[in-house]
Amino acid sequence: MLRLCSTSKVRQEILRSFGIPFVVSDNGFDEEILEMTLKIESPKVFAYVAALGKYKSALECYGLEIPLLIADSVVSCNGILQRKAKNEAQAFAFLEAQSGKILSVISCAILHCEAFYYMDLSATHYELEYFGQSEIESYLQSGLWKGKAGAVMVEGFHKGFIKKQIGSTHNAMGLHIEALLPFLKDMR
């Protein structure tokens, strides 16, 4: 049994699909603090620092009675950090920047139990086709972009525009489960 310190429905679906039992708990960490106080612009650094902040908050709240799993994902397009869009206009700007470009999803996960501490920082890269204007508008109207870093949905909207992929699809969805599986098996 894991304590997933994330309310992401996609991360929950990934764990379920691999038969990993878990409970969902909020970690109580506000990522906005990082953006406002630290002014982190590097996507890799932001994912790492955000995951570490979430981890410290979760460890303080819950301890290790149940192993902790914390994750954070960000999007990088042309080296520019794209977090969760705050509104439709920002989501549109993110999508416009991604159209026909190379997009990277960087995820950092921390798995901690009494026996070990493991951290994974992974990236998945996509070379994308150009998005059609009507397709962008339809995606924005669907609202499916909400709560997604960079408004990216590789299992949905973006899937039809991928020319080339390097890295794990699960990582791009927010949890590099393939890297965690050997450690999760040791916990059973």
Protein backbone atom coordinates (compact mmCIF):
# COMPACT_ATOMS: atom_id res chain seq x y z
CA MET A 1 0.00 0.00 0.00
CA LEU A 2 1.25 3.46 -0.97
CA ARG A 3 0.26 6.95 0.05
CA LEU A 4 -0.01 8.84 -3.24
CA CYS A 5 0.50 12.48 -2.33
CA SER A 6 -1.14 13.78 -5.47
CA THR A 7 -4.74 14.37 -6.47
CA SER A 8 -3.94 13.72 -10.15
CA LYS A 9 -6.56 11.38 -11.62
CA VAL A 10 -4.07 10.30 -14.30
CA ARG A 11 -1.46 9.23 -11.71
CA GLN A 12 -4.18 7.30 -9.91
CA GLU A 13 -5.16 5.57 -13.18
CA ILE A 14 -1.53 4.60 -13.82
CA LEU A 15 -1.18 3.00 -10.37
CA ARG A 16 -4.51 1.18 -10.78
CA SER A 17 -3.52 -0.14 -14.21
CA PHE A 18 -0.43 -1.73 -12.65
CA GLY A 19 -2.40 -3.19 -9.73
CA ILE A 20 -0.65 -1.07 -7.10
CA PRO A 21 -2.83 -0.39 -4.04
CA PHE A 22 -2.79 3.20 -2.78
CA VAL A 23 -4.59 5.86 -0.81
CA VAL A 24 -4.73 9.46 -1.99
CA SER A 25 -3.60 12.21 0.34
CA ASP A 26 -3.05 15.88 -0.27
CA ASN A 27 0.51 16.93 0.45
CA GLY A 28 -0.48 20.47 1.42
CA PHE A 29 2.37 22.04 -0.56
CA ASP A 30 1.71 25.16 -2.62
CA GLU A 31 3.89 25.24 -5.76
CA GLU A 32 3.06 28.90 -6.30
CA ILE A 33 5.56 29.70 -3.55
CA LEU A 34 8.33 28.40 -5.81
CA GLU A 35 7.25 30.57 -8.69
CA MET A 36 6.79 33.70 -6.60
CA THR A 37 9.73 33.49 -4.18
CA LEU A 38 12.41 31.47 -5.94
CA LYS A 39 11.69 32.57 -9.53
CA ILE A 40 12.76 29.17 -10.88
CA GLU A 41 12.80 29.21 -14.68
CA SER A 42 14.59 25.93 -15.44
CA PRO A 43 12.00 23.18 -16.07
CA LYS A 44 14.25 20.44 -14.62
CA VAL A 45 15.04 22.44 -11.52
CA PHE A 46 11.39 23.37 -11.01
CA ALA A 47 10.21 19.72 -11.22
CA TYR A 48 12.95 18.67 -8.77
CA VAL A 49 12.36 21.48 -6.26
CA ALA A 50 8.56 21.11 -6.44
CA ALA A 51 8.76 17.34 -5.83
CA LEU A 52 11.16 17.90 -2.94
CA GLY A 53 8.86 20.53 -1.40
CA LYS A 54 5.86 18.23 -1.75
CA TYR A 55 7.89 15.39 -0.24
CA LYS A 56 8.99 17.38 2.82
CA SER A 57 5.40 18.51 3.42
CA ALA A 58 4.04 14.96 3.05
CA LEU A 59 6.72 13.46 5.30
CA GLU A 60 5.91 16.02 7.99
CA CYS A 61 2.14 15.40 7.66
CA TYR A 62 2.08 11.62 7.36
CA GLY A 63 5.44 10.12 8.32
CA LEU A 64 6.37 6.73 6.87
CA GLU A 65 3.68 4.50 8.35
CA ILE A 66 2.56 4.03 4.74
CA PRO A 67 5.24 4.49 2.03
CA LEU A 68 5.06 7.90 0.38
CA LEU A 69 4.89 8.50 -3.38
CA ILE A 70 5.21 12.09 -4.52
CA ALA A 71 5.37 13.33 -8.11
CA ASP A 72 5.54 16.57 -10.03
CA SER A 73 5.59 17.21 -13.76
CA VAL A 74 6.34 20.24 -15.87
CA VAL A 75 6.49 20.93 -19.58
CA SER A 76 9.39 22.50 -21.41
CA CYS A 77 8.99 23.92 -24.89
CA ASN A 78 12.07 25.55 -26.41
CA GLY A 79 13.57 25.45 -22.90
CA ILE A 80 10.73 27.56 -21.49
CA LEU A 81 8.86 26.28 -18.45
CA GLN A 82 5.14 25.67 -18.92
CA ARG A 83 3.19 24.88 -15.76
CA LYS A 84 -0.56 24.44 -15.36
CA ALA A 85 -2.39 27.04 -17.40
CA LYS A 86 -4.23 29.51 -15.18
CA ASN A 87 -6.86 30.26 -17.83
CA GLU A 88 -7.88 29.49 -21.40
CA ALA A 89 -5.78 32.33 -22.84
CA GLN A 90 -2.63 30.95 -21.20
CA ALA A 91 -3.50 27.42 -22.37
CA PHE A 92 -3.88 28.78 -25.91
CA ALA A 93 -0.46 30.49 -25.68
CA PHE A 94 1.14 27.24 -24.47
CA LEU A 95 -0.41 25.26 -27.32
CA GLU A 96 0.62 27.86 -29.91
CA ALA A 97 4.22 27.67 -28.61
CA GLN A 98 4.18 23.84 -28.85
CA SER A 99 2.71 23.59 -32.34
CA GLY A 100 5.28 22.06 -34.72
CA LYS A 101 7.98 22.10 -32.04
CA ILE A 102 9.77 19.73 -29.69
CA LEU A 103 8.03 19.40 -26.36
CA SER A 104 9.51 17.81 -23.23
CA VAL A 105 7.62 16.55 -20.20
CA ILE A 106 9.84 16.37 -17.13
CA SER A 107 8.61 14.37 -14.15
CA CYS A 108 10.20 13.95 -10.76
CA ALA A 109 8.99 11.21 -8.42
CA ILE A 110 10.03 10.35 -4.89
CA LEU A 111 9.26 7.00 -3.30
CA HIS A 112 10.14 6.73 0.38
CA CYS A 113 9.49 3.93 2.84
CA GLU A 114 11.30 2.79 5.95
CA ALA A 115 13.64 0.56 3.90
CA PHE A 116 14.73 3.04 1.21
CA TYR A 117 14.45 6.43 -0.46
CA TYR A 118 14.30 6.64 -4.26
CA MET A 119 14.08 9.66 -6.54
CA ASP A 120 13.60 9.63 -10.30
CA LEU A 121 13.91 12.63 -12.62
CA SER A 122 12.94 11.67 -16.17
CA ALA A 123 12.06 13.40 -19.41
CA THR A 124 9.95 12.36 -22.36
CA HIS A 125 10.41 14.29 -25.59
CA TYR A 126 7.93 14.72 -28.42
CA GLU A 127 8.43 16.11 -31.88
CA LEU A 128 5.02 17.52 -32.80
CA GLU A 129 3.15 18.28 -36.00
CA TYR A 130 1.49 21.66 -36.33
CA PHE A 131 -1.88 21.94 -34.56
CA GLY A 132 -4.89 23.06 -36.55
CA GLN A 133 -6.63 26.18 -35.23
CA SER A 134 -10.04 24.46 -35.07
CA GLU A 135 -8.49 21.51 -33.21
CA ILE A 136 -6.94 23.85 -30.63
CA GLU A 137 -10.25 25.65 -30.16
CA SER A 138 -12.13 22.37 -29.73
CA TYR A 139 -9.58 21.15 -27.17
CA LEU A 140 -9.78 24.40 -25.23
CA GLN A 141 -13.58 24.28 -25.20
CA SER A 142 -13.49 20.70 -23.87
CA GLY A 143 -11.73 21.87 -20.71
CA LEU A 144 -9.57 18.73 -20.73
CA TRP A 145 -6.43 20.92 -20.62
CA LYS A 146 -7.27 22.12 -17.11
CA GLY A 147 -4.89 20.92 -14.41
CA LYS A 148 -2.34 19.69 -16.96
CA ALA A 149 1.19 21.09 -17.14
CA GLY A 150 1.53 23.03 -20.37
CA ALA A 151 -2.08 22.04 -21.18
CA VAL A 152 -0.47 18.82 -22.46
CA MET A 153 -2.56 15.67 -22.78
CA VAL A 154 -0.40 13.06 -24.53
CA GLU A 155 -3.10 10.44 -24.11
CA GLY A 156 -5.65 12.77 -25.69
CA PHE A 157 -5.26 15.95 -27.73
CA HIS A 158 -1.49 15.75 -28.35
CA LYS A 159 -1.56 12.05 -29.30
CA GLY A 160 -2.69 12.76 -32.86
CA PHE A 161 0.14 15.25 -33.46
CA ILE A 162 3.14 13.20 -32.30
CA LYS A 163 5.71 12.64 -35.07
CA LYS A 164 8.38 11.16 -32.82
CA GLN A 165 8.65 10.16 -29.15
CA ILE A 166 11.71 9.55 -27.01
CA GLY A 167 10.94 8.31 -23.49
CA SER A 168 8.08 6.82 -21.52
CA THR A 169 4.44 7.71 -22.19
CA HIS A 170 3.66 7.12 -18.50
CA ASN A 171 6.33 9.66 -17.59
CA ALA A 172 4.69 12.17 -19.91
CA MET A 173 1.37 11.44 -18.19
CA GLY A 174 2.95 12.38 -14.84
CA LEU A 175 4.39 9.21 -13.32
CA HIS A 176 7.37 7.24 -14.68
CA ILE A 177 5.98 3.98 -13.35
CA GLU A 178 8.52 1.85 -15.25
CA ALA A 179 11.34 3.36 -13.15
CA LEU A 180 9.40 2.79 -9.91
CA LEU A 181 8.24 -0.81 -10.51
CA PRO A 182 11.41 -2.57 -9.26
CA PHE A 183 11.18 -0.63 -6.01
CA LEU A 184 7.44 -1.16 -5.66
CA LYS A 185 7.92 -4.92 -6.05
CA ASP A 186 10.46 -4.85 -3.19
CA MET A 187 7.82 -3.27 -0.95
CA ARG A 188 5.24 -6.07 -1.40
